[in-house]
Amino acid sequence: MEPRFLLLSDVAAELNVSDSQVYHMVRSGELPAIKIGGRGQWRVERARLEEYIQQKYAETAEWVRGNPLTEREPE
């Protein structure tokens, strides 16, 4: 069974980005997370990560529709 909450390093591995990029995403509010424990460790709920990924797919699809590839002129 997969854990409900992920460390930021686990999220970074899932997204294939750096730990510092995930920390920035969490601190900016882009990726929902909670801060727990006396030392304030960040955790991302797996369901929220999946929602985030789906949101990014939708944003990317919208961007692609608005920025179509143009055919290059033959040389």
N, C-alpha and C. Protein backbone atom coordinates (compact mmCIF):
# COMPACT_ATOMS: atom_id res chain seq x y z
N MET A 1 0.83 -1.18 0.00
CA MET A 1 0.00 0.00 0.00
C MET A 1 0.88 1.25 0.00
N GLU A 2 0.54 2.20 -0.85
CA GLU A 2 1.32 3.43 -0.93
C GLU A 2 0.99 4.34 0.23
N PRO A 3 1.99 5.08 0.73
CA PRO A 3 1.71 5.99 1.83
C PRO A 3 0.80 7.14 1.39
N ARG A 4 0.00 7.63 2.31
CA ARG A 4 -0.91 8.74 2.00
C ARG A 4 -0.13 10.04 1.81
N PHE A 5 0.91 10.25 2.62
CA PHE A 5 1.68 11.48 2.57
C PHE A 5 3.10 11.21 2.08
N LEU A 6 3.63 12.14 1.32
CA LEU A 6 4.95 12.01 0.74
C LEU A 6 5.89 13.09 1.27
N LEU A 7 7.15 12.76 1.42
CA LEU A 7 8.18 13.74 1.71
C LEU A 7 8.39 14.59 0.46
N LEU A 8 8.93 15.78 0.64
CA LEU A 8 9.21 16.61 -0.53
C LEU A 8 10.21 15.93 -1.47
N SER A 9 11.13 15.18 -0.90
CA SER A 9 12.09 14.46 -1.74
C SER A 9 11.40 13.37 -2.57
N ASP A 10 10.35 12.75 -2.00
CA ASP A 10 9.58 11.76 -2.76
C ASP A 10 8.84 12.42 -3.92
N VAL A 11 8.27 13.60 -3.64
CA VAL A 11 7.57 14.35 -4.68
C VAL A 11 8.55 14.74 -5.79
N ALA A 12 9.72 15.19 -5.40
CA ALA A 12 10.75 15.56 -6.38
C ALA A 12 11.10 14.38 -7.27
N ALA A 13 11.23 13.21 -6.68
CA ALA A 13 11.55 12.01 -7.45
C ALA A 13 10.40 11.66 -8.40
N GLU A 14 9.16 11.78 -7.93
CA GLU A 14 7.99 11.49 -8.78
C GLU A 14 7.94 12.42 -9.98
N LEU A 15 8.24 13.70 -9.75
CA LEU A 15 8.15 14.69 -10.83
C LEU A 15 9.45 14.85 -11.61
N ASN A 16 10.50 14.18 -11.14
CA ASN A 16 11.82 14.26 -11.77
C ASN A 16 12.32 15.71 -11.81
N VAL A 17 12.20 16.38 -10.65
CA VAL A 17 12.72 17.73 -10.47
C VAL A 17 13.53 17.75 -9.18
N SER A 18 14.15 18.88 -8.89
CA SER A 18 14.98 18.97 -7.68
C SER A 18 14.12 19.17 -6.43
N ASP A 19 14.71 18.84 -5.29
CA ASP A 19 14.03 19.06 -4.01
C ASP A 19 13.72 20.54 -3.84
N SER A 20 14.65 21.41 -4.25
CA SER A 20 14.44 22.85 -4.07
C SER A 20 13.29 23.35 -4.95
N GLN A 21 13.09 22.76 -6.12
CA GLN A 21 11.96 23.16 -6.95
C GLN A 21 10.64 22.80 -6.27
N VAL A 22 10.57 21.62 -5.67
CA VAL A 22 9.36 21.21 -4.96
C VAL A 22 9.13 22.11 -3.75
N TYR A 23 10.19 22.43 -3.03
CA TYR A 23 10.06 23.32 -1.87
C TYR A 23 9.48 24.67 -2.32
N HIS A 24 9.96 25.20 -3.41
CA HIS A 24 9.44 26.47 -3.93
C HIS A 24 7.97 26.32 -4.33
N MET A 25 7.60 25.23 -4.96
CA MET A 25 6.21 25.00 -5.36
C MET A 25 5.29 24.97 -4.14
N VAL A 26 5.77 24.34 -3.07
CA VAL A 26 4.99 24.25 -1.84
C VAL A 26 4.91 25.62 -1.16
N ARG A 27 6.05 26.29 -1.02
CA ARG A 27 6.08 27.59 -0.34
C ARG A 27 5.27 28.65 -1.08
N SER A 28 5.21 28.56 -2.40
CA SER A 28 4.45 29.54 -3.19
C SER A 28 2.96 29.23 -3.21
N GLY A 29 2.59 28.03 -2.75
CA GLY A 29 1.19 27.64 -2.75
C GLY A 29 0.76 26.94 -4.04
N GLU A 30 1.69 26.78 -4.96
CA GLU A 30 1.37 26.10 -6.23
C GLU A 30 0.99 24.65 -5.99
N LEU A 31 1.68 23.99 -5.08
CA LEU A 31 1.42 22.59 -4.74
C LEU A 31 0.96 22.53 -3.29
N PRO A 32 -0.29 22.12 -3.04
CA PRO A 32 -0.79 22.06 -1.66
C PRO A 32 0.01 21.07 -0.80
N ALA A 33 0.32 21.50 0.41
CA ALA A 33 1.07 20.66 1.34
C ALA A 33 0.69 21.05 2.77
N ILE A 34 1.10 20.21 3.70
CA ILE A 34 0.90 20.53 5.11
C ILE A 34 2.25 20.52 5.81
N LYS A 35 2.31 21.27 6.89
CA LYS A 35 3.50 21.33 7.71
C LYS A 35 3.16 20.64 9.03
N ILE A 36 3.93 19.63 9.40
CA ILE A 36 3.60 18.85 10.60
C ILE A 36 4.81 18.71 11.52
N GLY A 37 4.52 18.37 12.74
CA GLY A 37 5.58 18.11 13.70
C GLY A 37 6.21 19.37 14.26
N GLY A 38 6.96 19.19 15.33
CA GLY A 38 7.63 20.29 15.99
C GLY A 38 8.66 20.99 15.14
N ARG A 39 9.24 20.26 14.20
CA ARG A 39 10.25 20.84 13.32
C ARG A 39 9.65 21.35 12.03
N GLY A 40 8.33 21.26 11.89
CA GLY A 40 7.66 21.81 10.72
C GLY A 40 8.06 21.14 9.42
N GLN A 41 7.98 19.84 9.38
CA GLN A 41 8.33 19.10 8.17
C GLN A 41 7.15 19.12 7.20
N TRP A 42 7.45 19.33 5.93
CA TRP A 42 6.43 19.40 4.90
C TRP A 42 6.05 18.00 4.42
N ARG A 43 4.74 17.83 4.15
CA ARG A 43 4.23 16.59 3.57
C ARG A 43 3.20 16.95 2.51
N VAL A 44 3.22 16.18 1.42
CA VAL A 44 2.26 16.37 0.33
C VAL A 44 1.41 15.12 0.25
N GLU A 45 0.11 15.31 0.31
CA GLU A 45 -0.79 14.18 0.22
C GLU A 45 -0.77 13.65 -1.22
N ARG A 46 -0.66 12.33 -1.36
CA ARG A 46 -0.56 11.73 -2.69
C ARG A 46 -1.72 12.16 -3.59
N ALA A 47 -2.93 12.23 -3.04
CA ALA A 47 -4.10 12.65 -3.84
C ALA A 47 -3.92 14.06 -4.36
N ARG A 48 -3.35 14.95 -3.53
CA ARG A 48 -3.12 16.34 -3.97
C ARG A 48 -2.07 16.39 -5.08
N LEU A 49 -1.06 15.53 -4.97
CA LEU A 49 -0.04 15.47 -6.02
C LEU A 49 -0.66 15.02 -7.34
N GLU A 50 -1.52 14.02 -7.28
CA GLU A 50 -2.18 13.54 -8.51
C GLU A 50 -3.07 14.62 -9.10
N GLU A 51 -3.78 15.37 -8.24
CA GLU A 51 -4.60 16.49 -8.72
C GLU A 51 -3.72 17.54 -9.38
N TYR A 52 -2.59 17.83 -8.77
CA TYR A 52 -1.65 18.81 -9.32
C TYR A 52 -1.17 18.37 -10.71
N ILE A 53 -0.83 17.10 -10.84
CA ILE A 53 -0.36 16.59 -12.13
C ILE A 53 -1.46 16.72 -13.18
N GLN A 54 -2.69 16.37 -12.84
CA GLN A 54 -3.80 16.50 -13.79
C GLN A 54 -4.01 17.96 -14.18
N GLN A 55 -3.89 18.86 -13.21
CA GLN A 55 -4.02 20.30 -13.49
C GLN A 55 -2.94 20.75 -14.47
N LYS A 56 -1.73 20.27 -14.30
CA LYS A 56 -0.63 20.64 -15.20
C LYS A 56 -0.86 20.09 -16.60
N TYR A 57 -1.43 18.88 -16.70
CA TYR A 57 -1.77 18.35 -18.03
C TYR A 57 -2.79 19.25 -18.71
N ALA A 58 -3.81 19.69 -17.97
CA ALA A 58 -4.84 20.57 -18.54
C ALA A 58 -4.25 21.91 -18.96
N GLU A 59 -3.39 22.49 -18.10
CA GLU A 59 -2.75 23.77 -18.44
C GLU A 59 -1.87 23.63 -19.67
N THR A 60 -1.15 22.53 -19.76
CA THR A 60 -0.27 22.31 -20.90
C THR A 60 -1.08 22.15 -22.18
N ALA A 61 -2.18 21.39 -22.12
CA ALA A 61 -3.03 21.20 -23.30
C ALA A 61 -3.59 22.54 -23.77
N GLU A 62 -4.01 23.38 -22.82
CA GLU A 62 -4.53 24.70 -23.19
C GLU A 62 -3.44 25.55 -23.83
N TRP A 63 -2.23 25.49 -23.28
CA TRP A 63 -1.11 26.24 -23.85
C TRP A 63 -0.80 25.77 -25.27
N VAL A 64 -0.81 24.46 -25.47
CA VAL A 64 -0.52 23.90 -26.80
C VAL A 64 -1.56 24.36 -27.81
N ARG A 65 -2.83 24.36 -27.41
CA ARG A 65 -3.89 24.84 -28.31
C ARG A 65 -3.68 26.29 -28.69
N GLY A 66 -3.21 27.09 -27.77
CA GLY A 66 -3.00 28.51 -28.04
C GLY A 66 -1.69 28.83 -28.72
N ASN A 67 -0.81 27.85 -28.83
CA ASN A 67 0.52 28.05 -29.43
C ASN A 67 0.81 26.93 -30.41
N PRO A 68 0.05 26.87 -31.51
CA PRO A 68 0.25 25.75 -32.45
C PRO A 68 1.60 25.84 -33.14
N LEU A 69 2.08 24.68 -33.53
CA LEU A 69 3.31 24.64 -34.31
C LEU A 69 3.01 25.18 -35.71
N THR A 70 3.95 25.89 -36.26
CA THR A 70 3.77 26.36 -37.63
C THR A 70 4.74 25.60 -38.51
N GLU A 71 4.29 25.36 -39.71
CA GLU A 71 5.15 24.64 -40.67
C GLU A 71 6.29 25.55 -41.08
N ARG A 72 7.46 24.98 -41.15
CA ARG A 72 8.64 25.75 -41.60
C ARG A 72 8.68 25.72 -43.11
N GLU A 73 9.10 26.81 -43.67
CA GLU A 73 9.29 26.89 -45.12
C GLU A 73 10.44 25.99 -45.53
N PRO A 74 10.27 25.24 -46.62
CA PRO A 74 11.39 24.40 -47.09
C PRO A 74 12.56 25.29 -47.50
N GLU A 75 13.74 24.80 -47.23
CA GLU A 75 14.95 25.58 -47.55
C GLU A 75 15.37 25.38 -48.97
